[in-house]
PDB file of N, CA and C in Angstrom:
ATOM      1  N   MET A   1    -137.261  41.532 152.157  1.00  0.00           N
ATOM      2  CA  MET A   1    -138.191  42.322 151.091  1.00  0.00           C
ATOM      3  C   MET A   1    -138.752  41.468 150.333  1.00  0.00           C
ATOM      4  N   ALA A   2    -140.018  41.591 150.198  1.00  0.00           N
ATOM      5  CA  ALA A   2    -140.968  40.860 149.194  1.00  0.00           C
ATOM      6  C   ALA A   2    -140.845  41.431 148.021  1.00  0.00           C
ATOM      7  N   ILE A   3    -140.031  41.304 147.254  1.00  0.00           N
ATOM      8  CA  ILE A   3    -140.063  41.372 145.762  1.00  0.00           C
ATOM      9  C   ILE A   3    -139.939  40.283 144.759  1.00  0.00           C
ATOM     10  N   GLN A   4    -140.942  40.338 144.029  1.00  0.00           N
ATOM     11  CA  GLN A   4    -140.557  39.321 142.937  1.00  0.00           C
ATOM     12  C   GLN A   4    -140.297  39.634 141.528  1.00  0.00           C
ATOM     13  N   SER A   5    -139.510  38.970 140.638  1.00  0.00           N
ATOM     14  CA  SER A   5    -139.561  39.956 139.143  1.00  0.00           C
ATOM     15  C   SER A   5    -139.363  38.408 138.519  1.00  0.00           C
ATOM     16  N   THR A   6    -139.327  38.740 137.207  1.00  0.00           N
ATOM     17  CA  THR A   6    -139.310  37.707 136.035  1.00  0.00           C
ATOM     18  C   THR A   6    -138.461  37.955 135.097  1.00  0.00           C
ATOM     19  N   THR A   7    -138.210  37.188 134.191  1.00  0.00           N
ATOM     20  CA  THR A   7    -137.473  37.291 132.818  1.00  0.00           C
ATOM     21  C   THR A   7    -138.184  38.987 131.940  1.00  0.00           C
ATOM     22  N   PHE A   8    -139.267  38.851 132.159  1.00  0.00           N
ATOM     23  CA  PHE A   8    -139.624  40.345 131.533  1.00  0.00           C
ATOM     24  C   PHE A   8    -140.025  41.380 132.077  1.00  0.00           C
ATOM     25  N   GLY A   9    -139.179  40.915 133.427  1.00  0.00           N
ATOM     26  CA  GLY A   9    -139.493  42.705 134.302  1.00  0.00           C
ATOM     27  C   GLY A   9    -140.212  43.127 135.012  1.00  0.00           C
ATOM     28  N   ARG A  10    -141.209  41.963 135.165  1.00  0.00           N
ATOM     29  CA  ARG A  10    -142.512  42.128 136.097  1.00  0.00           C
ATOM     30  C   ARG A  10    -141.850  42.334 137.836  1.00  0.00           C
ATOM     31  N   VAL A  11    -142.321  42.922 138.573  1.00  0.00           N
ATOM     32  CA  VAL A  11    -141.834  43.400 139.713  1.00  0.00           C
ATOM     33  C   VAL A  11    -143.036  43.477 141.005  1.00  0.00           C
ATOM     34  N   GLU A  12    -143.225  42.544 141.769  1.00  0.00           N
ATOM     35  CA  GLU A  12    -144.476  42.933 142.751  1.00  0.00           C
ATOM     36  C   GLU A  12    -143.872  42.841 143.893  1.00  0.00           C
ATOM     37  N   LEU A  13    -144.684  44.185 144.730  1.00  0.00           N
ATOM     38  CA  LEU A  13    -144.284  44.344 146.284  1.00  0.00           C
ATOM     39  C   LEU A  13    -145.020  43.725 147.014  1.00  0.00           C
ATOM     40  N   SER A  14    -144.932  43.642 148.331  1.00  0.00           N
ATOM     41  CA  SER A  14    -146.293  43.104 149.193  1.00  0.00           C
ATOM     42  C   SER A  14    -145.762  43.717 150.455  1.00  0.00           C
ATOM     43  N   GLY A  15    -146.852  43.610 151.404  1.00  0.00           N
ATOM     44  CA  GLY A  15    -146.403  43.899 152.644  1.00  0.00           C
ATOM     45  C   GLY A  15    -146.339  45.504 152.884  1.00  0.00           C
ATOM     46  N   LYS A  16    -145.287  45.807 153.540  1.00  0.00           N
ATOM     47  CA  LYS A  16    -144.654  47.308 153.952  1.00  0.00           C
ATOM     48  C   LYS A  16    -144.108  47.748 152.747  1.00  0.00           C
ATOM     49  N   GLU A  17    -143.399  46.993 151.997  1.00  0.00           N
ATOM     50  CA  GLU A  17    -142.669  47.441 150.594  1.00  0.00           C
ATOM     51  C   GLU A  17    -143.925  48.588 149.949  1.00  0.00           C
ATOM     52  N   ALA A  18    -144.963  47.419 149.525  1.00  0.00           N
ATOM     53  CA  ALA A  18    -146.021  47.969 149.144  1.00  0.00           C
ATOM     54  C   ALA A  18    -146.560  48.950 149.340  1.00  0.00           C
ATOM     55  N   GLU A  19    -146.744  49.152 150.691  1.00  0.00           N
ATOM     56  CA  GLU A  19    -147.529  50.476 151.675  1.00  0.00           C
ATOM     57  C   GLU A  19    -146.447  51.686 151.467  1.00  0.00           C
ATOM     58  N   ARG A  20    -145.274  51.230 151.697  1.00  0.00           N
ATOM     59  CA  ARG A  20    -144.082  52.464 151.217  1.00  0.00           C
ATOM     60  C   ARG A  20    -144.171  52.934 150.202  1.00  0.00           C
ATOM     61  N   PHE A  21    -143.822  52.032 149.267  1.00  0.00           N
ATOM     62  CA  PHE A  21    -143.945  52.386 147.171  1.00  0.00           C
ATOM     63  C   PHE A  21    -145.329  53.421 147.331  1.00  0.00           C
ATOM     64  N   GLN A  22    -146.436  53.124 147.386  1.00  0.00           N
ATOM     65  CA  GLN A  22    -147.650  53.786 147.379  1.00  0.00           C
ATOM     66  C   GLN A  22    -147.574  55.119 148.026  1.00  0.00           C
ATOM     67  N   ARG A  23    -147.187  55.204 149.217  1.00  0.00           N
ATOM     68  CA  ARG A  23    -146.661  56.698 149.927  1.00  0.00           C
ATOM     69  C   ARG A  23    -145.840  56.991 148.846  1.00  0.00           C
ATOM     70  N   HIS A  24    -144.660  56.819 148.726  1.00  0.00           N
ATOM     71  CA  HIS A  24    -143.831  57.696 148.082  1.00  0.00           C
ATOM     72  C   HIS A  24    -144.492  58.184 146.429  1.00  0.00           C
ATOM     73  N   MET A  25    -145.131  57.357 145.884  1.00  0.00           N
ATOM     74  CA  MET A  25    -145.675  57.578 144.893  1.00  0.00           C
ATOM     75  C   MET A  25    -146.665  59.104 145.059  1.00  0.00           C
ATOM     76  N   THR A  26    -147.261  58.873 146.000  1.00  0.00           N
ATOM     77  CA  THR A  26    -148.451  59.867 146.186  1.00  0.00           C
ATOM     78  C   THR A  26    -147.805  60.979 147.004  1.00  0.00           C
ATOM     79  N   GLU A  27    -147.056  60.849 148.140  1.00  0.00           N
ATOM     80  CA  GLU A  27    -146.374  62.002 148.881  1.00  0.00           C
ATOM     81  C   GLU A  27    -145.053  62.481 148.807  1.00  0.00           C
ATOM     82  N   ASP A  28    -144.343  61.823 148.286  1.00  0.00           N
ATOM     83  CA  ASP A  28    -142.966  62.514 148.217  1.00  0.00           C
ATOM     84  C   ASP A  28    -142.455  63.436 147.336  1.00  0.00           C
ATOM     85  N   LYS A  29    -141.619  64.193 147.572  1.00  0.00           N
ATOM     86  CA  LYS A  29    -141.451  65.437 146.535  1.00  0.00           C
ATOM     87  C   LYS A  29    -140.867  64.699 145.335  1.00  0.00           C
ATOM     88  N   PRO A  30    -141.262  65.084 143.843  1.00  0.00           N
ATOM     89  CA  PRO A  30    -140.368  64.442 143.399  1.00  0.00           C
ATOM     90  C   PRO A  30    -138.632  64.823 142.645  1.00  0.00           C
ATOM     91  N   ASN A  31    -137.868  64.176 142.299  1.00  0.00           N
ATOM     92  CA  ASN A  31    -136.406  63.854 142.231  1.00  0.00           C
ATOM     93  C   ASN A  31    -136.281  65.520 141.305  1.00  0.00           C
ATOM     94  N   LEU A  32    -135.777  66.603 141.412  1.00  0.00           N
ATOM     95  CA  LEU A  32    -135.522  67.482 140.444  1.00  0.00           C
ATOM     96  C   LEU A  32    -134.675  66.965 139.166  1.00  0.00           C
ATOM     97  N   ALA A  33    -133.851  66.323 139.458  1.00  0.00           N
ATOM     98  CA  ALA A  33    -132.716  65.663 138.507  1.00  0.00           C
ATOM     99  C   ALA A  33    -133.573  64.780 137.222  1.00  0.00           C
ATOM    100  N   ALA A  34    -134.487  64.216 137.711  1.00  0.00           N
ATOM    101  CA  ALA A  34    -135.256  63.308 137.109  1.00  0.00           C
ATOM    102  C   ALA A  34    -136.297  64.109 136.190  1.00  0.00           C
ATOM    103  N   LYS A  35    -136.745  65.121 137.141  1.00  0.00           N
ATOM    104  CA  LYS A  35    -137.986  66.140 136.242  1.00  0.00           C
ATOM    105  C   LYS A  35    -137.207  66.969 135.018  1.00  0.00           C
ATOM    106  N   ALA A  36    -135.700  67.103 135.406  1.00  0.00           N
ATOM    107  CA  ALA A  36    -135.019  68.022 134.285  1.00  0.00           C
ATOM    108  C   ALA A  36    -134.566  66.638 133.082  1.00  0.00           C
ATOM    109  N   SER A  37    -134.588  65.873 133.427  1.00  0.00           N
ATOM    110  CA  SER A  37    -134.222  65.082 132.734  1.00  0.00           C
ATOM    111  C   SER A  37    -135.341  64.470 131.550  1.00  0.00           C
ATOM    112  N   LEU A  38    -136.520  64.303 131.873  1.00  0.00           N
ATOM    113  CA  LEU A  38    -137.837  64.307 131.478  1.00  0.00           C
ATOM    114  C   LEU A  38    -137.804  65.307 130.650  1.00  0.00           C
ATOM    115  N   ALA A  39    -137.894  66.438 130.833  1.00  0.00           N
ATOM    116  CA  ALA A  39    -137.949  67.647 130.243  1.00  0.00           C
ATOM    117  C   ALA A  39    -137.032  67.286 128.604  1.00  0.00           C
ATOM    118  N   ARG A  40    -136.131  67.284 128.978  1.00  0.00           N
ATOM    119  CA  ARG A  40    -135.044  66.901 127.852  1.00  0.00           C
ATOM    120  C   ARG A  40    -135.205  66.117 127.247  1.00  0.00           C
ATOM    121  N   GLY A  41    -135.762  64.794 127.582  1.00  0.00           N
ATOM    122  CA  GLY A  41    -136.102  63.829 126.567  1.00  0.00           C
ATOM    123  C   GLY A  41    -137.518  64.170 125.971  1.00  0.00           C
ATOM    124  N   GLN A  42    -138.536  64.850 126.530  1.00  0.00           N
ATOM    125  CA  GLN A  42    -139.358  65.243 125.771  1.00  0.00           C
ATOM    126  C   GLN A  42    -139.104  66.237 124.710  1.00  0.00           C
ATOM    127  N   ALA A  43    -138.331  67.153 125.047  1.00  0.00           N
ATOM    128  CA  ALA A  43    -137.933  68.156 123.924  1.00  0.00           C
ATOM    129  C   ALA A  43    -137.116  67.260 122.863  1.00  0.00           C
ATOM    130  N   MET A  44    -136.254  66.411 122.969  1.00  0.00           N
ATOM    131  CA  MET A  44    -135.836  65.536 121.935  1.00  0.00           C
ATOM    132  C   MET A  44    -136.735  64.950 121.533  1.00  0.00           C
ATOM    133  N   LEU A  45    -137.772  64.018 121.996  1.00  0.00           N
ATOM    134  CA  LEU A  45    -138.664  63.378 121.199  1.00  0.00           C
ATOM    135  C   LEU A  45    -139.397  64.515 120.074  1.00  0.00           C
ATOM    136  N   ALA A  46    -139.741  65.397 120.571  1.00  0.00           N
ATOM    137  CA  ALA A  46    -140.808  66.834 119.807  1.00  0.00           C
ATOM    138  C   ALA A  46    -139.905  66.694 118.443  1.00  0.00           C
ATOM    139  N   ARG A  47    -138.277  67.301 118.462  1.00  0.00           N
ATOM    140  CA  ARG A  47    -137.258  67.420 117.729  1.00  0.00           C
ATOM    141  C   ARG A  47    -137.602  66.075 116.402  1.00  0.00           C
ATOM    142  N   ILE A  48    -137.291  64.760 116.755  1.00  0.00           N
ATOM    143  CA  ILE A  48    -137.259  63.944 116.459  1.00  0.00           C
ATOM    144  C   ILE A  48    -138.539  63.884 115.673  1.00  0.00           C
ATOM    145  N   ALA A  49    -139.730  64.079 116.321  1.00  0.00           N
ATOM    146  CA  ALA A  49    -141.076  64.105 115.482  1.00  0.00           C
ATOM    147  C   ALA A  49    -141.304  65.039 114.077  1.00  0.00           C
ATOM    148  N   SER A  50    -140.430  66.140 114.809  1.00  0.00           N
ATOM    149  CA  SER A  50    -140.604  67.381 113.749  1.00  0.00           C
ATOM    150  C   SER A  50    -139.653  66.720 112.529  1.00  0.00           C
ATOM    151  N   VAL A  51    -138.794  66.111 112.683  1.00  0.00           N
ATOM    152  CA  VAL A  51    -137.878  66.062 111.543  1.00  0.00           C
ATOM    153  C   VAL A  51    -138.560  64.689 110.768  1.00  0.00           C
ATOM    154  N   ARG A  52    -139.207  64.191 111.404  1.00  0.00           N
ATOM    155  CA  ARG A  52    -139.881  62.554 110.802  1.00  0.00           C
ATOM    156  C   ARG A  52    -140.629  63.348 109.953  1.00  0.00           C
ATOM    157  N   GLN A  53    -141.854  64.176 110.597  1.00  0.00           N
ATOM    158  CA  GLN A  53    -143.028  64.942 109.816  1.00  0.00           C
ATOM    159  C   GLN A  53    -142.321  65.904 108.493  1.00  0.00           C
ATOM    160  N   ALA A  54    -141.440  66.574 108.653  1.00  0.00           N
ATOM    161  CA  ALA A  54    -140.653  67.302 107.333  1.00  0.00           C
ATOM    162  C   ALA A  54    -140.154  66.307 106.377  1.00  0.00           C
ATOM    163  N   LYS A  55    -140.016  64.814 106.916  1.00  0.00           N
ATOM    164  CA  LYS A  55    -139.371  64.199 106.015  1.00  0.00           C
ATOM    165  C   LYS A  55    -140.524  63.550 105.157  1.00  0.00           C
ATOM    166  N   THR A  56    -141.594  63.242 105.852  1.00  0.00           N
ATOM    167  CA  THR A  56    -142.949  62.755 104.721  1.00  0.00           C
ATOM    168  C   THR A  56    -143.710  63.660 104.449  1.00  0.00           C
ATOM    169  N   ASN A  57    -143.347  65.098 104.395  1.00  0.00           N
ATOM    170  CA  ASN A  57    -144.046  66.034 103.844  1.00  0.00           C
ATOM    171  C   ASN A  57    -143.211  66.278 102.600  1.00  0.00           C
ATOM    172  N   GLY A  58    -141.617  65.636 102.352  1.00  0.00           N
ATOM    173  CA  GLY A  58    -140.813  66.038 101.454  1.00  0.00           C
ATOM    174  C   GLY A  58    -140.193  67.605 101.415  1.00  0.00           C
ATOM    175  N   LYS A  59    -140.282  67.895 102.811  1.00  0.00           N
ATOM    176  CA  LYS A  59    -139.455  68.940 102.678  1.00  0.00           C
ATOM    177  C   LYS A  59    -138.209  68.984 103.032  1.00  0.00           C
ATOM    178  N   ARG A  60    -137.696  68.052 103.610  1.00  0.00           N
ATOM    179  CA  ARG A  60    -136.107  67.796 103.801  1.00  0.00           C
ATOM    180  C   ARG A  60    -135.689  66.625 102.517  1.00  0.00           C
TER     181      ARG A  60
END
């Protein structure tokens, strides 16, 4: 497998692995558990942002 990584987390794919990854990103169906986790994370960030906004407005 042609994968290179560095201390800073960079990953490079080449050859067949790169082609497969490209197909995976454009053609494969999304993972439902990952989509649900993303939705929960976005909701959490929205709540955090609203609390920070309330604190900066002096409401809390």
